[in-house]
Amino acid sequence: MLENSTLSGVKCTVQECHYHCCDDKCSAKTILVNGSNPHTSEQTCCSTFKPECK
């Protein structure tokens, strides 16, 4: 659910991402987190990541 054009309940600390907003929120409409048979959070990755254009 979107809350003020950010994903409610999703926290992101990757400031280099195009979708990163203040207060560590995500402005993407949806996110995709994937990994191959992960057993820890480090074995997953956010495929929604898009480099910030500066």
Protein backbone atom coordinates (compact mmCIF):
# COMPACT_ATOMS: atom_id res chain seq x y z
CA MET A 1 0.00 0.00 0.00
CA LEU A 2 1.34 3.43 -0.94
CA GLU A 3 1.59 6.04 1.78
CA ASN A 4 2.49 9.55 0.55
CA SER A 5 3.85 7.97 -2.68
CA THR A 6 6.14 5.60 -0.75
CA LEU A 7 5.70 1.91 0.06
CA SER A 8 4.25 1.54 3.54
CA GLY A 9 6.31 -0.75 5.74
CA VAL A 10 9.32 -0.82 3.40
CA LYS A 11 12.56 0.65 4.75
CA CYS A 12 15.54 1.20 2.45
CA THR A 13 18.90 2.66 3.44
CA VAL A 14 20.45 2.61 -0.07
CA GLN A 15 20.79 6.34 -0.71
CA GLU A 16 22.33 5.68 -4.14
CA CYS A 17 19.01 4.25 -5.40
CA HIS A 18 16.70 6.34 -7.58
CA TYR A 19 13.71 5.28 -5.43
CA HIS A 20 15.28 6.20 -2.05
CA CYS A 21 13.41 8.95 -0.18
CA CYS A 22 14.06 10.83 3.03
CA ASP A 23 13.41 8.87 6.22
CA ASP A 24 14.72 5.76 4.38
CA LYS A 25 11.50 5.15 2.43
CA CYS A 26 11.04 3.66 -1.04
CA SER A 27 9.11 5.47 -3.80
CA ALA A 28 8.97 2.50 -6.22
CA LYS A 29 5.45 1.30 -7.03
CA THR A 30 6.48 -2.30 -6.31
CA ILE A 31 9.67 -4.05 -5.30
CA LEU A 32 11.20 -7.38 -6.27
CA VAL A 33 13.50 -9.10 -3.80
CA ASN A 34 15.12 -12.27 -5.04
CA GLY A 35 17.91 -14.73 -4.38
CA SER A 36 18.72 -18.33 -5.14
CA ASN A 37 17.77 -20.54 -2.18
CA PRO A 38 18.64 -17.87 0.43
CA HIS A 39 19.21 -18.73 4.08
CA THR A 40 20.24 -15.25 5.25
CA SER A 41 19.24 -11.69 4.33
CA GLU A 42 22.70 -11.18 2.79
CA GLN A 43 21.84 -13.84 0.20
CA THR A 44 18.91 -11.80 -1.13
CA CYS A 45 18.96 -8.69 -3.30
CA CYS A 46 16.59 -5.96 -4.41
CA SER A 47 16.09 -6.21 -8.16
CA THR A 48 14.15 -2.93 -8.12
CA PHE A 49 17.39 -0.99 -7.45
CA LYS A 50 18.03 1.70 -10.03
CA PRO A 51 21.14 3.91 -9.77
CA GLU A 52 20.47 7.53 -8.88
CA CYS A 53 21.19 9.92 -11.75
CA LYS A 54 23.08 12.94 -10.47
